[in-house]
Amino acid sequence: MDRSVTLIVNPAAGAGRAAKRLPTAEAELARLGIPVHREETTSLDHAMELARAATEAGEAVFTLGGDGLVGAVAGALADTGTPLGVLPGGRGNDFARVLGIPGDAAEAVRALVAAPERKLDLAEAGGRPFIGIASCGFDSVANRIANESRLVKGNLVYLYAALRAVATWKPARFELELDGKLRAYTGWSVAIANSKAYGGGMRIAPDAELDDGLFDVVVSETTSKLAFLRGLPLVFKGTHVDLPSVHVMRAREVRVSSYRPFELYADGDPVGELPVTVRMRPGALTVLAP
């Protein structure tokens, strides 16, 4: 790497995981002779301001936090050519996992410093940038439960949230417009995927690629709650897409609406009430990818 680094940190990410990994990451950057200065975020908007300032200074940007932080910073860096390096420090770290970035802070720094630059797609939901997966329906309920949980920590919170959400779930009717083509479904959820995984390793869209210019749109139609629970473990392998109740389509622009209120979640954070239009920006992001 031939430029200095702005390290944007969310110290609260991952219930303090990012703060614990920060000294190791900074020490490894120093050992490798990479000039770095740390900036701690107070909000996603603040993180975007810091990323823009780094671009103006000609620096690369590393993030240490969760996927929500990565998505916000990615939006600020879109079409600038400024390289983004992602250090896992959140709860799920799915974007880093899909890119093959190690979980250990020192190993991750070494991997990013040696990594080539790669052009990846950037997604937007209602104008808000995200890098992974936007979803709604059952996922809206489960995401809300996971974000509000104080008792269950780490990746187990996603399983806990899913089991709690199943208990009260009733099938919902969704309408999709995929590149102008209309589809309607009754069922569990709709996931609009730029990346393969969410929820701490759940491979909801196993064939999604970060650089193909298309979303994989995964719809889960109505089944019994027992059938849904039996199929849930398959999501970690990505083999759930072989079930007759699961459908995968591809599109560059998706508008999703529903017959009852839901929030759309992207990278684990709420982005707005349905209906929402989700768009792809092919090749807009420059990422350091091992």
C-alpha atoms as a PDB file:
ATOM      1  CA  MET A   1       0.000   0.000   0.000  1.00  0.00           C
ATOM      2  CA  ASP A   2       1.436   3.338  -1.081  1.00  0.00           C
ATOM      3  CA  ARG A   3      -0.816   5.761   0.806  1.00  0.00           C
ATOM      4  CA  SER A   4      -1.743   6.630   4.377  1.00  0.00           C
ATOM      5  CA  VAL A   5      -4.932   5.393   6.019  1.00  0.00           C
ATOM      6  CA  THR A   6      -7.859   6.988   7.796  1.00  0.00           C
ATOM      7  CA  LEU A   7      -9.144   4.352  10.236  1.00  0.00           C
ATOM      8  CA  ILE A   8     -12.841   4.995  10.939  1.00  0.00           C
ATOM      9  CA  VAL A   9     -13.951   3.195  14.087  1.00  0.00           C
ATOM     10  CA  ASN A  10     -17.298   2.603  15.748  1.00  0.00           C
ATOM     11  CA  PRO A  11     -16.100   1.673  19.257  1.00  0.00           C
ATOM     12  CA  ALA A  12     -19.559   0.435  20.284  1.00  0.00           C
ATOM     13  CA  ALA A  13     -19.854  -2.041  17.398  1.00  0.00           C
ATOM     14  CA  GLY A  14     -20.215  -5.693  18.271  1.00  0.00           C
ATOM     15  CA  ALA A  15     -20.952  -4.865  21.922  1.00  0.00           C
ATOM     16  CA  GLY A  16     -17.474  -3.393  22.254  1.00  0.00           C
ATOM     17  CA  ARG A  17     -15.691  -5.864  19.960  1.00  0.00           C
ATOM     18  CA  ALA A  18     -14.378  -3.093  17.718  1.00  0.00           C
ATOM     19  CA  ALA A  19     -12.891  -1.213  20.670  1.00  0.00           C
ATOM     20  CA  LYS A  20     -11.098  -4.371  21.840  1.00  0.00           C
ATOM     21  CA  ARG A  21      -9.602  -4.988  18.388  1.00  0.00           C
ATOM     22  CA  LEU A  22      -8.531  -1.401  17.807  1.00  0.00           C
ATOM     23  CA  PRO A  23      -5.135  -1.469  19.625  1.00  0.00           C
ATOM     24  CA  THR A  24      -4.083  -4.605  17.724  1.00  0.00           C
ATOM     25  CA  ALA A  25      -5.111  -3.126  14.381  1.00  0.00           C
ATOM     26  CA  GLU A  26      -3.282   0.153  15.024  1.00  0.00           C
ATOM     27  CA  ALA A  27      -0.159  -1.658  16.235  1.00  0.00           C
ATOM     28  CA  GLU A  28      -0.054  -3.848  13.145  1.00  0.00           C
ATOM     29  CA  LEU A  29      -0.459  -0.883  10.804  1.00  0.00           C
ATOM     30  CA  ALA A  30       2.400   0.858  12.619  1.00  0.00           C
ATOM     31  CA  ARG A  31       4.567  -2.266  12.425  1.00  0.00           C
ATOM     32  CA  LEU A  32       3.991  -2.404   8.656  1.00  0.00           C
ATOM     33  CA  GLY A  33       4.972   1.253   8.321  1.00  0.00           C
ATOM     34  CA  ILE A  34       1.537   2.466   7.187  1.00  0.00           C
ATOM     35  CA  PRO A  35       0.809   6.060   8.293  1.00  0.00           C
ATOM     36  CA  VAL A  36      -2.597   6.022  10.000  1.00  0.00           C
ATOM     37  CA  HIS A  37      -4.821   8.282  12.016  1.00  0.00           C
ATOM     38  CA  ARG A  38      -7.890   7.115  13.884  1.00  0.00           C
ATOM     39  CA  GLU A  39     -11.310   8.725  13.752  1.00  0.00           C
ATOM     40  CA  GLU A  40     -14.124   7.533  16.031  1.00  0.00           C
ATOM     41  CA  THR A  41     -17.662   7.885  14.708  1.00  0.00           C
ATOM     42  CA  THR A  42     -20.605   9.430  16.478  1.00  0.00           C
ATOM     43  CA  SER A  43     -23.108   8.402  13.766  1.00  0.00           C
ATOM     44  CA  LEU A  44     -23.290   6.984  10.255  1.00  0.00           C
ATOM     45  CA  ASP A  45     -23.577  10.524   8.875  1.00  0.00           C
ATOM     46  CA  HIS A  46     -20.410  11.441  10.762  1.00  0.00           C
ATOM     47  CA  ALA A  47     -18.663   8.383   9.317  1.00  0.00           C
ATOM     48  CA  MET A  48     -19.584   9.530   5.808  1.00  0.00           C
ATOM     49  CA  GLU A  49     -18.128  12.988   6.511  1.00  0.00           C
ATOM     50  CA  LEU A  50     -14.897  11.380   7.703  1.00  0.00           C
ATOM     51  CA  ALA A  51     -14.722   9.224   4.573  1.00  0.00           C
ATOM     52  CA  ARG A  52     -15.180  12.261   2.310  1.00  0.00           C
ATOM     53  CA  ALA A  53     -12.415  14.089   4.174  1.00  0.00           C
ATOM     54  CA  ALA A  54     -10.107  11.110   3.671  1.00  0.00           C
ATOM     55  CA  THR A  55     -10.809  11.167  -0.061  1.00  0.00           C
ATOM     56  CA  GLU A  56      -9.946  14.868  -0.228  1.00  0.00           C
ATOM     57  CA  ALA A  57      -6.691  14.110   1.601  1.00  0.00           C
ATOM     58  CA  GLY A  58      -5.820  11.288  -0.825  1.00  0.00           C
ATOM     59  CA  GLU A  59      -5.925   8.622   1.893  1.00  0.00           C
ATOM     60  CA  ALA A  60      -7.296   5.093   1.869  1.00  0.00           C
ATOM     61  CA  VAL A  61     -10.129   4.350   4.299  1.00  0.00           C
ATOM     62  CA  PHE A  62     -10.275   1.385   6.675  1.00  0.00           C
ATOM     63  CA  THR A  63     -13.381   0.726   8.747  1.00  0.00           C
ATOM     64  CA  LEU A  64     -13.493  -1.094  12.076  1.00  0.00           C
ATOM     65  CA  GLY A  65     -17.083  -1.817  13.003  1.00  0.00           C
ATOM     66  CA  GLY A  66     -20.130  -3.557  11.599  1.00  0.00           C
ATOM     67  CA  ASP A  67     -21.662  -3.840   8.146  1.00  0.00           C
ATOM     68  CA  GLY A  68     -23.807  -0.766   8.748  1.00  0.00           C
ATOM     69  CA  LEU A  69     -20.661   1.335   9.097  1.00  0.00           C
ATOM     70  CA  VAL A  70     -19.178  -0.264   5.976  1.00  0.00           C
ATOM     71  CA  GLY A  71     -22.286   0.571   3.943  1.00  0.00           C
ATOM     72  CA  ALA A  72     -22.346   4.203   5.040  1.00  0.00           C
ATOM     73  CA  VAL A  73     -18.648   4.719   4.306  1.00  0.00           C
ATOM     74  CA  ALA A  74     -19.007   2.899   0.983  1.00  0.00           C
ATOM     75  CA  GLY A  75     -21.712   5.364  -0.008  1.00  0.00           C
ATOM     76  CA  ALA A  76     -19.374   8.288   0.684  1.00  0.00           C
ATOM     77  CA  LEU A  77     -16.551   6.665  -1.313  1.00  0.00           C
ATOM     78  CA  ALA A  78     -18.677   5.649  -4.311  1.00  0.00           C
ATOM     79  CA  ASP A  79     -17.188   6.623  -7.679  1.00  0.00           C
ATOM     80  CA  THR A  80     -14.183   8.316  -6.055  1.00  0.00           C
ATOM     81  CA  GLY A  81     -11.653   5.522  -6.574  1.00  0.00           C
ATOM     82  CA  THR A  82     -10.650   5.773  -2.906  1.00  0.00           C
ATOM     83  CA  PRO A  83      -9.849   2.236  -1.711  1.00  0.00           C
ATOM     84  CA  LEU A  84     -11.888   0.830   1.180  1.00  0.00           C
ATOM     85  CA  GLY A  85     -10.492  -1.767   3.569  1.00  0.00           C
ATOM     86  CA  VAL A  86     -12.852  -3.585   5.945  1.00  0.00           C
ATOM     87  CA  LEU A  87     -11.628  -4.778   9.355  1.00  0.00           C
ATOM     88  CA  PRO A  88     -14.204  -7.036  11.076  1.00  0.00           C
ATOM     89  CA  GLY A  89     -15.405  -5.453  14.312  1.00  0.00           C
ATOM     90  CA  GLY A  90     -19.176  -5.825  14.359  1.00  0.00           C
ATOM     91  CA  ARG A  91     -21.608  -8.534  15.329  1.00  0.00           C
ATOM     92  CA  GLY A  92     -22.059 -10.361  12.033  1.00  0.00           C
ATOM     93  CA  ASN A  93     -19.165  -9.163   9.829  1.00  0.00           C
ATOM     94  CA  ASP A  94     -20.759 -10.774   6.788  1.00  0.00           C
ATOM     95  CA  PHE A  95     -19.229  -8.473   4.173  1.00  0.00           C
ATOM     96  CA  ALA A  96     -15.711  -9.210   5.453  1.00  0.00           C
ATOM     97  CA  ARG A  97     -16.545 -12.914   5.605  1.00  0.00           C
ATOM     98  CA  VAL A  98     -17.679 -12.990   1.982  1.00  0.00           C
ATOM     99  CA  LEU A  99     -14.517 -11.132   0.913  1.00  0.00           C
ATOM    100  CA  GLY A 100     -12.347 -13.644   2.773  1.00  0.00           C
ATOM    101  CA  ILE A 101     -10.925 -11.144   5.266  1.00  0.00           C
ATOM    102  CA  PRO A 102      -9.617 -12.903   8.419  1.00  0.00           C
ATOM    103  CA  GLY A 103     -11.395 -12.391  11.727  1.00  0.00           C
ATOM    104  CA  ASP A 104      -8.185 -11.764  13.658  1.00  0.00           C
ATOM    105  CA  ALA A 105      -7.375  -8.048  13.690  1.00  0.00           C
ATOM    106  CA  ALA A 106      -3.652  -8.344  12.924  1.00  0.00           C
ATOM    107  CA  GLU A 107      -4.210 -10.915  10.176  1.00  0.00           C
ATOM    108  CA  ALA A 108      -6.934  -8.736   8.678  1.00  0.00           C
ATOM    109  CA  VAL A 109      -4.611  -5.707   8.564  1.00  0.00           C
ATOM    110  CA  ARG A 110      -1.885  -7.723   6.848  1.00  0.00           C
ATOM    111  CA  ALA A 111      -4.387  -9.102   4.332  1.00  0.00           C
ATOM    112  CA  LEU A 112      -5.728  -5.639   3.450  1.00  0.00           C
ATOM    113  CA  VAL A 113      -2.312  -4.006   3.131  1.00  0.00           C
ATOM    114  CA  ALA A 114      -1.251  -6.716   0.663  1.00  0.00           C
ATOM    115  CA  ALA A 115      -4.602  -6.920  -1.163  1.00  0.00           C
ATOM    116  CA  PRO A 116      -5.236  -5.700  -4.731  1.00  0.00           C
ATOM    117  CA  GLU A 117      -7.978  -3.190  -5.461  1.00  0.00           C
ATOM    118  CA  ARG A 118     -11.231  -4.592  -6.817  1.00  0.00           C
ATOM    119  CA  LYS A 119     -14.264  -2.858  -8.283  1.00  0.00           C
ATOM    120  CA  LEU A 120     -17.478  -3.953  -6.554  1.00  0.00           C
ATOM    121  CA  ASP A 121     -21.130  -3.019  -6.870  1.00  0.00           C
ATOM    122  CA  LEU A 122     -22.854  -0.703  -4.425  1.00  0.00           C
ATOM    123  CA  ALA A 123     -26.571  -0.931  -3.647  1.00  0.00           C
ATOM    124  CA  GLU A 124     -29.022   1.757  -2.561  1.00  0.00           C
ATOM    125  CA  ALA A 125     -32.353   1.311  -0.770  1.00  0.00           C
ATOM    126  CA  GLY A 126     -34.524   4.405  -0.883  1.00  0.00           C
ATOM    127  CA  GLY A 127     -31.376   6.349  -1.694  1.00  0.00           C
ATOM    128  CA  ARG A 128     -29.418   4.953   1.292  1.00  0.00           C
ATOM    129  CA  PRO A 129     -26.263   2.975   0.393  1.00  0.00           C
ATOM    130  CA  PHE A 130     -25.662  -0.583   1.576  1.00  0.00           C
ATOM    131  CA  ILE A 131     -23.201  -3.313   0.660  1.00  0.00           C
ATOM    132  CA  GLY A 132     -24.889  -6.559   1.643  1.00  0.00           C
ATOM    133  CA  ILE A 133     -28.542  -7.509   1.778  1.00  0.00           C
ATOM    134  CA  ALA A 134     -31.827  -5.642   2.147  1.00  0.00           C
ATOM    135  CA  SER A 135     -34.781  -7.664   3.379  1.00  0.00           C
ATOM    136  CA  CYS A 136     -38.289  -7.388   4.776  1.00  0.00           C
ATOM    137  CA  GLY A 137     -41.222  -9.360   6.122  1.00  0.00           C
ATOM    138  CA  PHE A 138     -40.185 -12.002   8.616  1.00  0.00           C
ATOM    139  CA  ASP A 139     -36.679 -10.536   8.407  1.00  0.00           C
ATOM    140  CA  SER A 140     -38.031  -7.143   9.518  1.00  0.00           C
ATOM    141  CA  VAL A 141     -39.362  -8.685  12.720  1.00  0.00           C
ATOM    142  CA  ALA A 142     -36.224 -10.759  13.362  1.00  0.00           C
ATOM    143  CA  ASN A 143     -33.903  -7.803  12.737  1.00  0.00           C
ATOM    144  CA  ARG A 144     -35.843  -5.622  15.145  1.00  0.00           C
ATOM    145  CA  ILE A 145     -35.685  -8.298  17.846  1.00  0.00           C
ATOM    146  CA  ALA A 146     -31.945  -8.798  17.286  1.00  0.00           C
ATOM    147  CA  ASN A 147     -31.229  -5.069  17.470  1.00  0.00           C
ATOM    148  CA  GLU A 148     -33.254  -4.688  20.663  1.00  0.00           C
ATOM    149  CA  SER A 149     -31.811  -7.761  22.406  1.00  0.00           C
ATOM    150  CA  ARG A 150     -29.687  -7.145  25.473  1.00  0.00           C
ATOM    151  CA  LEU A 151     -29.614 -10.691  26.850  1.00  0.00           C
ATOM    152  CA  VAL A 152     -28.182 -12.627  23.884  1.00  0.00           C
ATOM    153  CA  LYS A 153     -24.815 -11.584  22.439  1.00  0.00           C
ATOM    154  CA  GLY A 154     -22.768 -12.407  19.350  1.00  0.00           C
ATOM    155  CA  ASN A 155     -24.042 -14.412  16.392  1.00  0.00           C
ATOM    156  CA  LEU A 156     -26.461 -16.367  18.597  1.00  0.00           C
ATOM    157  CA  VAL A 157     -28.667 -13.293  18.685  1.00  0.00           C
ATOM    158  CA  TYR A 158     -29.744 -13.980  15.082  1.00  0.00           C
ATOM    159  CA  LEU A 159     -30.961 -17.497  15.913  1.00  0.00           C
ATOM    160  CA  TYR A 160     -32.667 -16.197  19.050  1.00  0.00           C
ATOM    161  CA  ALA A 161     -34.389 -13.456  17.038  1.00  0.00           C
ATOM    162  CA  ALA A 162     -35.535 -15.883  14.344  1.00  0.00           C
ATOM    163  CA  LEU A 163     -37.088 -18.270  16.862  1.00  0.00           C
ATOM    164  CA  ARG A 164     -38.914 -15.443  18.620  1.00  0.00           C
ATOM    165  CA  ALA A 165     -40.160 -14.027  15.320  1.00  0.00           C
ATOM    166  CA  VAL A 166     -41.569 -17.402  14.214  1.00  0.00           C
ATOM    167  CA  ALA A 167     -43.794 -17.547  17.295  1.00  0.00           C
ATOM    168  CA  THR A 168     -45.953 -14.597  16.235  1.00  0.00           C
ATOM    169  CA  TRP A 169     -45.541 -14.685  12.452  1.00  0.00           C
ATOM    170  CA  LYS A 170     -48.472 -14.580  10.050  1.00  0.00           C
ATOM    171  CA  PRO A 171     -47.990 -14.851   6.245  1.00  0.00           C
ATOM    172  CA  ALA A 172     -47.697 -11.550   4.399  1.00  0.00           C
ATOM    173  CA  ARG A 173     -48.468 -10.531   0.812  1.00  0.00           C
ATOM    174  CA  PHE A 174     -45.614  -8.906  -1.128  1.00  0.00           C
ATOM    175  CA  GLU A 175     -45.572  -7.216  -4.522  1.00  0.00           C
ATOM    176  CA  LEU A 176     -42.305  -6.946  -6.441  1.00  0.00           C
ATOM    177  CA  GLU A 177     -41.387  -4.986  -9.527  1.00  0.00           C
ATOM    178  CA  LEU A 178     -38.163  -6.414 -10.944  1.00  0.00           C
ATOM    179  CA  ASP A 179     -36.778  -4.295 -13.791  1.00  0.00           C
ATOM    180  CA  GLY A 180     -40.374  -3.448 -14.666  1.00  0.00           C
ATOM    181  CA  LYS A 181     -41.795  -6.978 -14.371  1.00  0.00           C
ATOM    182  CA  LEU A 182     -44.458  -7.481 -11.690  1.00  0.00           C
ATOM    183  CA  ARG A 183     -44.565 -10.463  -9.329  1.00  0.00           C
ATOM    184  CA  ALA A 184     -46.668 -11.124  -6.221  1.00  0.00           C
ATOM    185  CA  TYR A 185     -46.081 -13.629  -3.406  1.00  0.00           C
ATOM    186  CA  THR A 186     -47.557 -14.600  -0.076  1.00  0.00           C
ATOM    187  CA  GLY A 187     -45.075 -15.881   2.425  1.00  0.00           C
ATOM    188  CA  TRP A 188     -42.276 -15.171   4.843  1.00  0.00           C
ATOM    189  CA  SER A 189     -39.756 -12.762   3.415  1.00  0.00           C
ATOM    190  CA  VAL A 190     -38.097 -10.999   0.514  1.00  0.00           C
ATOM    191  CA  ALA A 191     -34.308 -10.570   0.436  1.00  0.00           C
ATOM    192  CA  ILE A 192     -32.622  -8.328  -2.144  1.00  0.00           C
ATOM    193  CA  ALA A 193     -29.027  -9.452  -2.118  1.00  0.00           C
ATOM    194  CA  ASN A 194     -25.870  -7.821  -3.420  1.00  0.00           C
ATOM    195  CA  SER A 195     -23.809 -10.211  -1.266  1.00  0.00           C
ATOM    196  CA  LYS A 196     -24.221 -13.856  -0.329  1.00  0.00           C
ATOM    197  CA  ALA A 197     -24.635 -13.720   3.449  1.00  0.00           C
ATOM    198  CA  TYR A 198     -26.221 -11.882   6.352  1.00  0.00           C
ATOM    199  CA  GLY A 199     -27.078 -12.584   9.966  1.00  0.00           C
ATOM    200  CA  GLY A 200     -23.643 -13.856  10.956  1.00  0.00           C
ATOM    201  CA  GLY A 201     -23.074 -16.331   8.127  1.00  0.00           C
ATOM    202  CA  MET A 202     -26.550 -17.160   6.821  1.00  0.00           C
ATOM    203  CA  ARG A 203     -26.026 -17.725   3.077  1.00  0.00           C
ATOM    204  CA  ILE A 204     -29.416 -16.437   2.013  1.00  0.00           C
ATOM    205  CA  ALA A 205     -28.247 -15.825  -1.585  1.00  0.00           C
ATOM    206  CA  PRO A 206     -25.464 -18.365  -2.179  1.00  0.00           C
ATOM    207  CA  ASP A 207     -24.979 -17.480  -5.849  1.00  0.00           C
ATOM    208  CA  ALA A 208     -24.936 -13.687  -5.418  1.00  0.00           C
ATOM    209  CA  GLU A 209     -21.792 -11.924  -6.643  1.00  0.00           C
ATOM    210  CA  LEU A 210     -20.476  -8.557  -5.511  1.00  0.00           C
ATOM    211  CA  ASP A 211     -19.458  -7.497  -9.008  1.00  0.00           C
ATOM    212  CA  ASP A 212     -22.090  -8.805 -11.459  1.00  0.00           C
ATOM    213  CA  GLY A 213     -24.290  -5.689 -11.498  1.00  0.00           C
ATOM    214  CA  LEU A 214     -27.377  -7.624 -10.379  1.00  0.00           C
ATOM    215  CA  PHE A 215     -29.305  -8.401  -7.211  1.00  0.00           C
ATOM    216  CA  ASP A 216     -30.272 -11.950  -6.319  1.00  0.00           C
ATOM    217  CA  VAL A 217     -33.869 -11.582  -5.102  1.00  0.00           C
ATOM    218  CA  VAL A 218     -34.801 -14.450  -2.779  1.00  0.00           C
ATOM    219  CA  VAL A 219     -38.466 -14.986  -1.904  1.00  0.00           C
ATOM    220  CA  SER A 220     -39.688 -17.480   0.695  1.00  0.00           C
ATOM    221  CA  GLU A 221     -43.324 -18.441   0.097  1.00  0.00           C
ATOM    222  CA  THR A 222     -45.816 -19.644   2.685  1.00  0.00           C
ATOM    223  CA  THR A 223     -45.073 -22.890   4.522  1.00  0.00           C
ATOM    224  CA  SER A 224     -46.017 -24.188   7.938  1.00  0.00           C
ATOM    225  CA  LYS A 225     -43.977 -22.875  10.853  1.00  0.00           C
ATOM    226  CA  LEU A 226     -42.591 -26.375  11.394  1.00  0.00           C
ATOM    227  CA  ALA A 227     -41.432 -26.597   7.764  1.00  0.00           C
ATOM    228  CA  PHE A 228     -39.844 -23.173   8.053  1.00  0.00           C
ATOM    229  CA  LEU A 229     -37.939 -24.145  11.203  1.00  0.00           C
ATOM    230  CA  ARG A 230     -36.763 -27.369   9.568  1.00  0.00           C
ATOM    231  CA  GLY A 231     -35.460 -25.383   6.629  1.00  0.00           C
ATOM    232  CA  LEU A 232     -33.745 -22.712   8.715  1.00  0.00           C
ATOM    233  CA  PRO A 233     -30.465 -24.647   9.232  1.00  0.00           C
ATOM    234  CA  LEU A 234     -30.174 -25.051   5.455  1.00  0.00           C
ATOM    235  CA  VAL A 235     -29.666 -21.293   5.112  1.00  0.00           C
ATOM    236  CA  PHE A 236     -26.216 -21.586   6.690  1.00  0.00           C
ATOM    237  CA  LYS A 237     -25.169 -23.847   3.792  1.00  0.00           C
ATOM    238  CA  GLY A 238     -27.198 -22.026   1.143  1.00  0.00           C
ATOM    239  CA  THR A 239     -29.086 -25.184   0.211  1.00  0.00           C
ATOM    240  CA  HIS A 240     -32.459 -23.715   1.194  1.00  0.00           C
ATOM    241  CA  VAL A 241     -32.711 -22.348  -2.366  1.00  0.00           C
ATOM    242  CA  ASP A 242     -33.438 -25.928  -3.484  1.00  0.00           C
ATOM    243  CA  LEU A 243     -36.695 -25.969  -1.497  1.00  0.00           C
ATOM    244  CA  PRO A 244     -39.885 -25.650  -3.589  1.00  0.00           C
ATOM    245  CA  SER A 245     -41.046 -22.722  -1.427  1.00  0.00           C
ATOM    246  CA  VAL A 246     -37.946 -20.627  -2.217  1.00  0.00           C
ATOM    247  CA  HIS A 247     -37.553 -18.667  -5.462  1.00  0.00           C
ATOM    248  CA  VAL A 248     -34.495 -16.770  -6.721  1.00  0.00           C
ATOM    249  CA  MET A 249     -34.693 -14.074  -9.410  1.00  0.00           C
ATOM    250  CA  ARG A 250     -32.220 -11.465 -10.648  1.00  0.00           C
ATOM    251  CA  ALA A 251     -32.711  -7.792 -11.347  1.00  0.00           C
ATOM    252  CA  ARG A 252     -30.878  -4.469 -11.325  1.00  0.00           C
ATOM    253  CA  GLU A 253     -33.763  -2.516  -9.782  1.00  0.00           C
ATOM    254  CA  VAL A 254     -36.410  -3.833  -7.381  1.00  0.00           C
ATOM    255  CA  ARG A 255     -39.420  -2.086  -5.909  1.00  0.00           C
ATOM    256  CA  VAL A 256     -40.963  -3.986  -3.003  1.00  0.00           C
ATOM    257  CA  SER A 257     -44.285  -3.298  -1.299  1.00  0.00           C
ATOM    258  CA  SER A 258     -46.561  -5.235   1.030  1.00  0.00           C
ATOM    259  CA  TYR A 259     -50.172  -5.410   2.118  1.00  0.00           C
ATOM    260  CA  ARG A 260     -49.275  -4.619   5.733  1.00  0.00           C
ATOM    261  CA  PRO A 261     -46.588  -2.327   7.173  1.00  0.00           C
ATOM    262  CA  PHE A 262     -42.962  -3.481   7.232  1.00  0.00           C
ATOM    263  CA  GLU A 263     -39.644  -1.728   7.506  1.00  0.00           C
ATOM    264  CA  LEU A 264     -36.945  -2.655   5.030  1.00  0.00           C
ATOM    265  CA  TYR A 265     -33.656  -3.502   6.729  1.00  0.00           C
ATOM    266  CA  ALA A 266     -30.305  -3.179   4.939  1.00  0.00           C
ATOM    267  CA  ASP A 267     -27.022  -4.374   6.470  1.00  0.00           C
ATOM    268  CA  GLY A 268     -28.985  -4.940   9.687  1.00  0.00           C
ATOM    269  CA  ASP A 269     -30.356  -1.400  10.040  1.00  0.00           C
ATOM    270  CA  PRO A 270     -33.830  -0.038   9.173  1.00  0.00           C
ATOM    271  CA  VAL A 271     -33.859   2.127   6.042  1.00  0.00           C
ATOM    272  CA  GLY A 272     -37.561   2.946   5.672  1.00  0.00           C
ATOM    273  CA  GLU A 273     -41.141   1.726   5.494  1.00  0.00           C
ATOM    274  CA  LEU A 274     -42.318  -0.173   2.425  1.00  0.00           C
ATOM    275  CA  PRO A 275     -42.730   0.531  -0.424  1.00  0.00           C
ATOM    276  CA  VAL A 276     -39.021   1.037  -1.137  1.00  0.00           C
ATOM    277  CA  THR A 277     -37.068   0.990  -4.395  1.00  0.00           C
ATOM    278  CA  VAL A 278     -33.677  -0.745  -4.327  1.00  0.00           C
ATOM    279  CA  ARG A 279     -31.148   0.047  -7.050  1.00  0.00           C
ATOM    280  CA  MET A 280     -27.747  -1.259  -8.084  1.00  0.00           C
ATOM    281  CA  ARG A 281     -24.720   0.915  -8.873  1.00  0.00           C
ATOM    282  CA  PRO A 282     -22.394  -1.438 -10.782  1.00  0.00           C
ATOM    283  CA  GLY A 283     -18.676  -1.083 -10.097  1.00  0.00           C
ATOM    284  CA  ALA A 284     -19.117   2.053  -8.001  1.00  0.00           C
ATOM    285  CA  LEU A 285     -16.921   0.915  -5.110  1.00  0.00           C
ATOM    286  CA  THR A 286     -13.155   0.302  -4.919  1.00  0.00           C
ATOM    287  CA  VAL A 287     -12.385  -2.304  -2.246  1.00  0.00           C
ATOM    288  CA  LEU A 288      -9.192  -3.933  -0.984  1.00  0.00           C
ATOM    289  CA  ALA A 289     -10.017  -7.616  -1.389  1.00  0.00           C
ATOM    290  CA  PRO A 290      -7.607 -10.482  -0.574  1.00  0.00           C
END
